[in-house]
């Protein structure tokens, strides 16, 4: 199962996007700055996000969860 990290920004401009979805903590910082998230990469790496954890800062709510997929079905071609 793949993990997904959801970043919900609390303090943004009126028409700016507030929700982002990433495959890793490192990927967060390719789009957002530590000032946007309210936490550094090193902090999030050690904050306990694994196991569906949540970190809340003054600027964002960061959650890690499991991506749910449909199981692959056999196509029947032999």
PDB file of N, CA and C in Angstrom:
ATOM      1  N   UNK A   1       0.837  -1.184   0.000  1.00  0.00           N
ATOM      2  CA  UNK A   1       0.000   0.000   0.000  1.00  0.00           C
ATOM      3  C   UNK A   1       0.883   1.251   0.000  1.00  0.00           C
ATOM      4  N   UNK A   2       0.456   2.230  -0.734  1.00  0.00           N
ATOM      5  CA  UNK A   2       1.208   3.481  -0.836  1.00  0.00           C
ATOM      6  C   UNK A   2       0.731   4.468   0.226  1.00  0.00           C
ATOM      7  N   UNK A   3       1.649   5.286   0.695  1.00  0.00           N
ATOM      8  CA  UNK A   3       1.267   6.315   1.656  1.00  0.00           C
ATOM      9  C   UNK A   3       0.987   7.614   0.902  1.00  0.00           C
ATOM     10  N   UNK A   4       0.197   8.465   1.525  1.00  0.00           N
ATOM     11  CA  UNK A   4      -0.084   9.789   0.988  1.00  0.00           C
ATOM     12  C   UNK A   4      -0.025  10.771   2.157  1.00  0.00           C
ATOM     13  N   UNK A   5       0.580  11.922   1.896  1.00  0.00           N
ATOM     14  CA  UNK A   5       0.677  12.949   2.925  1.00  0.00           C
ATOM     15  C   UNK A   5      -0.167  14.134   2.484  1.00  0.00           C
ATOM     16  N   UNK A   6      -1.152  14.472   3.291  1.00  0.00           N
ATOM     17  CA  UNK A   6      -2.078  15.556   3.010  1.00  0.00           C
ATOM     18  C   UNK A   6      -1.646  16.777   3.818  1.00  0.00           C
ATOM     19  N   UNK A   7      -1.434  17.887   3.120  1.00  0.00           N
ATOM     20  CA  UNK A   7      -1.079  19.143   3.777  1.00  0.00           C
ATOM     21  C   UNK A   7      -2.226  20.117   3.554  1.00  0.00           C
ATOM     22  N   UNK A   8      -2.881  20.513   4.629  1.00  0.00           N
ATOM     23  CA  UNK A   8      -3.962  21.494   4.570  1.00  0.00           C
ATOM     24  C   UNK A   8      -3.439  22.799   5.145  1.00  0.00           C
ATOM     25  N   UNK A   9      -3.284  23.802   4.278  1.00  0.00           N
ATOM     26  CA  UNK A   9      -2.770  25.091   4.717  1.00  0.00           C
ATOM     27  C   UNK A   9      -3.896  25.912   5.322  1.00  0.00           C
ATOM     28  N   UNK A  10      -3.623  26.493   6.473  1.00  0.00           N
ATOM     29  CA  UNK A  10      -4.642  27.257   7.197  1.00  0.00           C
ATOM     30  C   UNK A  10      -4.623  28.740   6.858  1.00  0.00           C
ATOM     31  N   UNK A  11      -3.462  29.282   6.555  1.00  0.00           N
ATOM     32  CA  UNK A  11      -3.313  30.721   6.355  1.00  0.00           C
ATOM     33  C   UNK A  11      -2.826  31.012   4.942  1.00  0.00           C
ATOM     34  N   UNK A  12      -3.721  31.140   4.009  1.00  0.00           N
ATOM     35  CA  UNK A  12      -3.359  31.455   2.630  1.00  0.00           C
ATOM     36  C   UNK A  12      -4.273  32.567   2.134  1.00  0.00           C
ATOM     37  N   UNK A  13      -3.947  33.095   0.959  1.00  0.00           N
ATOM     38  CA  UNK A  13      -4.793  34.105   0.343  1.00  0.00           C
ATOM     39  C   UNK A  13      -6.174  33.546   0.023  1.00  0.00           C
ATOM     40  N   UNK A  14      -7.102  34.406  -0.216  1.00  0.00           N
ATOM     41  CA  UNK A  14      -8.491  34.013  -0.397  1.00  0.00           C
ATOM     42  C   UNK A  14      -8.714  33.011  -1.532  1.00  0.00           C
ATOM     43  N   UNK A  15      -8.016  33.164  -2.645  1.00  0.00           N
ATOM     44  CA  UNK A  15      -8.260  32.306  -3.801  1.00  0.00           C
ATOM     45  C   UNK A  15      -7.161  31.287  -4.042  1.00  0.00           C
ATOM     46  N   UNK A  16      -6.245  31.135  -3.127  1.00  0.00           N
ATOM     47  CA  UNK A  16      -5.160  30.173  -3.306  1.00  0.00           C
ATOM     48  C   UNK A  16      -5.592  28.784  -2.862  1.00  0.00           C
ATOM     49  N   UNK A  17      -4.997  27.791  -3.488  1.00  0.00           N
ATOM     50  CA  UNK A  17      -5.260  26.395  -3.155  1.00  0.00           C
ATOM     51  C   UNK A  17      -4.824  26.109  -1.732  1.00  0.00           C
ATOM     52  N   UNK A  18      -5.615  25.356  -0.985  1.00  0.00           N
ATOM     53  CA  UNK A  18      -5.311  25.102   0.411  1.00  0.00           C
ATOM     54  C   UNK A  18      -4.900  23.665   0.708  1.00  0.00           C
ATOM     55  N   UNK A  19      -5.200  22.736  -0.178  1.00  0.00           N
ATOM     56  CA  UNK A  19      -4.907  21.335   0.080  1.00  0.00           C
ATOM     57  C   UNK A  19      -3.924  20.794  -0.943  1.00  0.00           C
ATOM     58  N   UNK A  20      -2.928  20.085  -0.432  1.00  0.00           N
ATOM     59  CA  UNK A  20      -1.906  19.468  -1.282  1.00  0.00           C
ATOM     60  C   UNK A  20      -1.748  18.019  -0.848  1.00  0.00           C
ATOM     61  N   UNK A  21      -1.400  17.152  -1.792  1.00  0.00           N
ATOM     62  CA  UNK A  21      -1.200  15.733  -1.515  1.00  0.00           C
ATOM     63  C   UNK A  21       0.161  15.319  -2.064  1.00  0.00           C
ATOM     64  N   UNK A  22       0.967  14.678  -1.216  1.00  0.00           N
ATOM     65  CA  UNK A  22       2.338  14.334  -1.572  1.00  0.00           C
ATOM     66  C   UNK A  22       2.607  12.864  -1.290  1.00  0.00           C
ATOM     67  N   UNK A  23       3.607  12.321  -1.977  1.00  0.00           N
ATOM     68  CA  UNK A  23       4.007  10.933  -1.787  1.00  0.00           C
ATOM     69  C   UNK A  23       5.079  10.783  -0.705  1.00  0.00           C
ATOM     70  N   UNK A  24       5.705  11.894  -0.306  1.00  0.00           N
ATOM     71  CA  UNK A  24       6.736  11.825   0.725  1.00  0.00           C
ATOM     72  C   UNK A  24       6.860  13.178   1.417  1.00  0.00           C
ATOM     73  N   UNK A  25       7.501  13.181   2.561  1.00  0.00           N
ATOM     74  CA  UNK A  25       7.752  14.434   3.278  1.00  0.00           C
ATOM     75  C   UNK A  25       8.704  15.303   2.463  1.00  0.00           C
ATOM     76  N   UNK A  26       9.697  14.707   1.842  1.00  0.00           N
ATOM     77  CA  UNK A  26      10.634  15.472   1.023  1.00  0.00           C
ATOM     78  C   UNK A  26       9.926  16.194  -0.111  1.00  0.00           C
ATOM     79  N   UNK A  27       8.914  15.572  -0.691  1.00  0.00           N
ATOM     80  CA  UNK A  27       8.176  16.180  -1.801  1.00  0.00           C
ATOM     81  C   UNK A  27       7.442  17.449  -1.381  1.00  0.00           C
ATOM     82  N   UNK A  28       7.053  17.539  -0.126  1.00  0.00           N
ATOM     83  CA  UNK A  28       6.367  18.743   0.376  1.00  0.00           C
ATOM     84  C   UNK A  28       7.213  19.975   0.113  1.00  0.00           C
ATOM     85  N   UNK A  29       8.504  19.849   0.362  1.00  0.00           N
ATOM     86  CA  UNK A  29       9.398  21.009   0.303  1.00  0.00           C
ATOM     87  C   UNK A  29       9.904  21.311  -1.105  1.00  0.00           C
ATOM     88  N   UNK A  30       9.418  20.565  -2.109  1.00  0.00           N
ATOM     89  CA  UNK A  30       9.680  20.951  -3.494  1.00  0.00           C
ATOM     90  C   UNK A  30       8.635  21.953  -3.973  1.00  0.00           C
ATOM     91  N   UNK A  31       7.510  22.028  -3.253  1.00  0.00           N
ATOM     92  CA  UNK A  31       6.418  22.930  -3.616  1.00  0.00           C
ATOM     93  C   UNK A  31       6.249  24.051  -2.587  1.00  0.00           C
ATOM     94  N   UNK A  32       6.345  23.704  -1.319  1.00  0.00           N
ATOM     95  CA  UNK A  32       6.111  24.658  -0.234  1.00  0.00           C
ATOM     96  C   UNK A  32       7.399  24.957   0.523  1.00  0.00           C
ATOM     97  N   UNK A  33       7.434  26.089   1.183  1.00  0.00           N
ATOM     98  CA  UNK A  33       8.565  26.478   2.023  1.00  0.00           C
ATOM     99  C   UNK A  33       8.253  26.104   3.474  1.00  0.00           C
ATOM    100  N   UNK A  34       9.285  25.927   4.293  1.00  0.00           N
ATOM    101  CA  UNK A  34       9.040  25.652   5.714  1.00  0.00           C
ATOM    102  C   UNK A  34       8.156  26.720   6.370  1.00  0.00           C
ATOM    103  N   UNK A  35       8.264  27.958   5.890  1.00  0.00           N
ATOM    104  CA  UNK A  35       7.445  29.040   6.438  1.00  0.00           C
ATOM    105  C   UNK A  35       5.964  28.835   6.096  1.00  0.00           C
ATOM    106  N   UNK A  36       5.678  28.224   4.948  1.00  0.00           N
ATOM    107  CA  UNK A  36       4.296  27.951   4.551  1.00  0.00           C
ATOM    108  C   UNK A  36       3.670  26.863   5.420  1.00  0.00           C
ATOM    109  N   UNK A  37       4.479  25.856   5.734  1.00  0.00           N
ATOM    110  CA  UNK A  37       4.006  24.686   6.480  1.00  0.00           C
ATOM    111  C   UNK A  37       4.054  24.925   7.986  1.00  0.00           C
ATOM    112  N   UNK A  38       4.982  25.745   8.423  1.00  0.00           N
ATOM    113  CA  UNK A  38       5.147  25.979   9.852  1.00  0.00           C
ATOM    114  C   UNK A  38       6.027  24.940  10.517  1.00  0.00           C
ATOM    115  N   UNK A  39       6.763  24.172   9.711  1.00  0.00           N
ATOM    116  CA  UNK A  39       7.658  23.144  10.241  1.00  0.00           C
ATOM    117  C   UNK A  39       8.719  22.825   9.196  1.00  0.00           C
ATOM    118  N   UNK A  40       9.883  22.457   9.664  1.00  0.00           N
ATOM    119  CA  UNK A  40      10.965  22.081   8.750  1.00  0.00           C
ATOM    120  C   UNK A  40      10.821  20.614   8.339  1.00  0.00           C
ATOM    121  N   UNK A  41      11.527  20.249   7.291  1.00  0.00           N
ATOM    122  CA  UNK A  41      11.536  18.862   6.824  1.00  0.00           C
ATOM    123  C   UNK A  41      12.037  17.937   7.930  1.00  0.00           C
ATOM    124  N   UNK A  42      13.106  18.323   8.591  1.00  0.00           N
ATOM    125  CA  UNK A  42      13.675  17.496   9.653  1.00  0.00           C
ATOM    126  C   UNK A  42      12.666  17.284  10.781  1.00  0.00           C
ATOM    127  N   UNK A  43      11.925  18.316  11.120  1.00  0.00           N
ATOM    128  CA  UNK A  43      10.904  18.185  12.168  1.00  0.00           C
ATOM    129  C   UNK A  43       9.843  17.152  11.777  1.00  0.00           C
ATOM    130  N   UNK A  44       9.326  17.254  10.551  1.00  0.00           N
ATOM    131  CA  UNK A  44       8.288  16.317  10.123  1.00  0.00           C
ATOM    132  C   UNK A  44       8.810  14.890  10.016  1.00  0.00           C
ATOM    133  N   UNK A  45      10.079  14.735   9.617  1.00  0.00           N
ATOM    134  CA  UNK A  45      10.657  13.394   9.531  1.00  0.00           C
ATOM    135  C   UNK A  45      10.693  12.694  10.886  1.00  0.00           C
ATOM    136  N   UNK A  46      10.779  13.471  11.959  1.00  0.00           N
ATOM    137  CA  UNK A  46      10.877  12.895  13.305  1.00  0.00           C
ATOM    138  C   UNK A  46       9.618  13.111  14.149  1.00  0.00           C
ATOM    139  N   UNK A  47       8.548  13.632  13.550  1.00  0.00           N
ATOM    140  CA  UNK A  47       7.354  14.000  14.316  1.00  0.00           C
ATOM    141  C   UNK A  47       6.363  12.862  14.512  1.00  0.00           C
ATOM    142  N   UNK A  48       6.581  11.729  13.906  1.00  0.00           N
ATOM    143  CA  UNK A  48       5.677  10.603  14.101  1.00  0.00           C
ATOM    144  C   UNK A  48       4.479  10.599  13.179  1.00  0.00           C
ATOM    145  N   UNK A  49       4.677  10.940  11.926  1.00  0.00           N
ATOM    146  CA  UNK A  49       3.576  10.897  10.961  1.00  0.00           C
ATOM    147  C   UNK A  49       3.220   9.474  10.557  1.00  0.00           C
ATOM    148  N   UNK A  50       4.183   8.553  10.661  1.00  0.00           N
ATOM    149  CA  UNK A  50       3.909   7.178  10.240  1.00  0.00           C
ATOM    150  C   UNK A  50       2.796   6.577  11.101  1.00  0.00           C
ATOM    151  N   UNK A  51       2.075   5.618  10.554  1.00  0.00           N
ATOM    152  CA  UNK A  51       0.971   5.016  11.290  1.00  0.00           C
ATOM    153  C   UNK A  51      -0.230   5.935  11.358  1.00  0.00           C
ATOM    154  N   UNK A  52      -0.481   6.672  10.275  1.00  0.00           N
ATOM    155  CA  UNK A  52      -1.616   7.583  10.181  1.00  0.00           C
ATOM    156  C   UNK A  52      -1.558   8.708  11.214  1.00  0.00           C
ATOM    157  N   UNK A  53      -0.362   9.225  11.441  1.00  0.00           N
ATOM    158  CA  UNK A  53      -0.181  10.311  12.389  1.00  0.00           C
ATOM    159  C   UNK A  53      -0.568  11.659  11.818  1.00  0.00           C
ATOM    160  N   UNK A  54      -0.717  12.633  12.714  1.00  0.00           N
ATOM    161  CA  UNK A  54      -1.076  13.997  12.340  1.00  0.00           C
ATOM    162  C   UNK A  54      -0.188  14.971  13.088  1.00  0.00           C
ATOM    163  N   UNK A  55       0.265  16.008  12.381  1.00  0.00           N
ATOM    164  CA  UNK A  55       1.021  17.097  12.999  1.00  0.00           C
ATOM    165  C   UNK A  55       0.255  18.382  12.704  1.00  0.00           C
ATOM    166  N   UNK A  56       0.019  19.177  13.742  1.00  0.00           N
ATOM    167  CA  UNK A  56      -0.688  20.445  13.581  1.00  0.00           C
ATOM    168  C   UNK A  56       0.260  21.571  13.958  1.00  0.00           C
ATOM    169  N   UNK A  57       0.415  22.521  13.038  1.00  0.00           N
ATOM    170  CA  UNK A  57       1.209  23.719  13.308  1.00  0.00           C
ATOM    171  C   UNK A  57       0.279  24.921  13.216  1.00  0.00           C
ATOM    172  N   UNK A  58       0.818  26.097  13.430  1.00  0.00           N
ATOM    173  CA  UNK A  58       0.002  27.310  13.317  1.00  0.00           C
ATOM    174  C   UNK A  58      -0.450  27.570  11.882  1.00  0.00           C
ATOM    175  N   UNK A  59       0.265  26.988  10.926  1.00  0.00           N
ATOM    176  CA  UNK A  59      -0.014  27.279   9.515  1.00  0.00           C
ATOM    177  C   UNK A  59      -0.586  26.122   8.720  1.00  0.00           C
ATOM    178  N   UNK A  60      -0.528  24.898   9.258  1.00  0.00           N
ATOM    179  CA  UNK A  60      -0.970  23.751   8.473  1.00  0.00           C
ATOM    180  C   UNK A  60      -1.336  22.566   9.353  1.00  0.00           C
ATOM    181  N   UNK A  61      -2.117  21.677   8.758  1.00  0.00           N
ATOM    182  CA  UNK A  61      -2.386  20.362   9.335  1.00  0.00           C
ATOM    183  C   UNK A  61      -1.800  19.360   8.354  1.00  0.00           C
ATOM    184  N   UNK A  62      -0.879  18.536   8.846  1.00  0.00           N
ATOM    185  CA  UNK A  62      -0.192  17.569   7.998  1.00  0.00           C
ATOM    186  C   UNK A  62      -0.573  16.169   8.475  1.00  0.00           C
ATOM    187  N   UNK A  63      -1.140  15.367   7.581  1.00  0.00           N
ATOM    188  CA  UNK A  63      -1.578  14.013   7.928  1.00  0.00           C
ATOM    189  C   UNK A  63      -0.966  13.012   6.967  1.00  0.00           C
ATOM    190  N   UNK A  64      -0.587  11.877   7.503  1.00  0.00           N
ATOM    191  CA  UNK A  64      -0.124  10.777   6.648  1.00  0.00           C
ATOM    192  C   UNK A  64      -1.138   9.656   6.750  1.00  0.00           C
ATOM    193  N   UNK A  65      -1.477   9.091   5.605  1.00  0.00           N
ATOM    194  CA  UNK A  65      -2.442   8.010   5.559  1.00  0.00           C
ATOM    195  C   UNK A  65      -2.063   7.033   4.461  1.00  0.00           C
ATOM    196  N   UNK A  66      -2.856   6.000   4.320  1.00  0.00           N
ATOM    197  CA  UNK A  66      -2.627   4.982   3.300  1.00  0.00           C
ATOM    198  C   UNK A  66      -3.573   5.222   2.130  1.00  0.00           C
ATOM    199  N   UNK A  67      -3.039   5.161   0.942  1.00  0.00           N
ATOM    200  CA  UNK A  67      -3.837   5.313  -0.262  1.00  0.00           C
ATOM    201  C   UNK A  67      -4.563   4.009  -0.528  1.00  0.00           C
ATOM    202  N   UNK A  68      -5.871   4.081  -0.671  1.00  0.00           N
ATOM    203  CA  UNK A  68      -6.684   2.882  -0.886  1.00  0.00           C
ATOM    204  C   UNK A  68      -6.881   2.688  -2.383  1.00  0.00           C
ATOM    205  N   UNK A  69      -6.566   1.511  -2.853  1.00  0.00           N
ATOM    206  CA  UNK A  69      -6.694   1.180  -4.269  1.00  0.00           C
ATOM    207  C   UNK A  69      -7.576  -0.044  -4.429  1.00  0.00           C
ATOM    208  N   UNK A  70      -8.152  -0.168  -5.609  1.00  0.00           N
ATOM    209  CA  UNK A  70      -8.884  -1.396  -5.951  1.00  0.00           C
ATOM    210  C   UNK A  70      -7.870  -2.491  -6.233  1.00  0.00           C
ATOM    211  N   UNK A  71      -8.158  -3.701  -5.846  1.00  0.00           N
ATOM    212  CA  UNK A  71      -7.228  -4.795  -6.175  1.00  0.00           C
ATOM    213  C   UNK A  71      -7.222  -5.028  -7.677  1.00  0.00           C
ATOM    214  N   UNK A  72      -6.081  -5.434  -8.187  1.00  0.00           N
ATOM    215  CA  UNK A  72      -5.966  -5.761  -9.607  1.00  0.00           C
ATOM    216  C   UNK A  72      -6.768  -7.009  -9.892  1.00  0.00           C
ATOM    217  N   UNK A  73      -7.484  -6.977 -10.994  1.00  0.00           N
ATOM    218  CA  UNK A  73      -8.270  -8.131 -11.380  1.00  0.00           C
ATOM    219  C   UNK A  73      -7.622  -8.831 -12.551  1.00  0.00           C
ATOM    220  N   UNK A  74      -7.703 -10.130 -12.551  1.00  0.00           N
ATOM    221  CA  UNK A  74      -7.169 -10.937 -13.647  1.00  0.00           C
ATOM    222  C   UNK A  74      -7.985 -10.648 -14.896  1.00  0.00           C
ATOM    223  N   UNK A  75      -7.319 -10.376 -16.019  1.00  0.00           N
ATOM    224  CA  UNK A  75      -8.030 -10.014 -17.251  1.00  0.00           C
ATOM    225  C   UNK A  75      -8.651 -11.214 -17.955  1.00  0.00           C
ATOM    226  N   UNK A  76      -8.234 -12.395 -17.632  1.00  0.00           N
ATOM    227  CA  UNK A  76      -8.791 -13.601 -18.242  1.00  0.00           C
ATOM    228  C   UNK A  76      -8.120 -13.992 -19.550  1.00  0.00           C
ATOM    229  N   UNK A  77      -7.205 -13.188 -20.045  1.00  0.00           N
ATOM    230  CA  UNK A  77      -6.499 -13.514 -21.288  1.00  0.00           C
ATOM    231  C   UNK A  77      -5.458 -14.592 -20.996  1.00  0.00           C
ATOM    232  N   UNK A  78      -5.529 -15.667 -21.750  1.00  0.00           N
ATOM    233  CA  UNK A  78      -4.568 -16.755 -21.529  1.00  0.00           C
ATOM    234  C   UNK A  78      -3.882 -17.140 -22.783  1.00  0.00           C
TER     235      UNK A  78
END
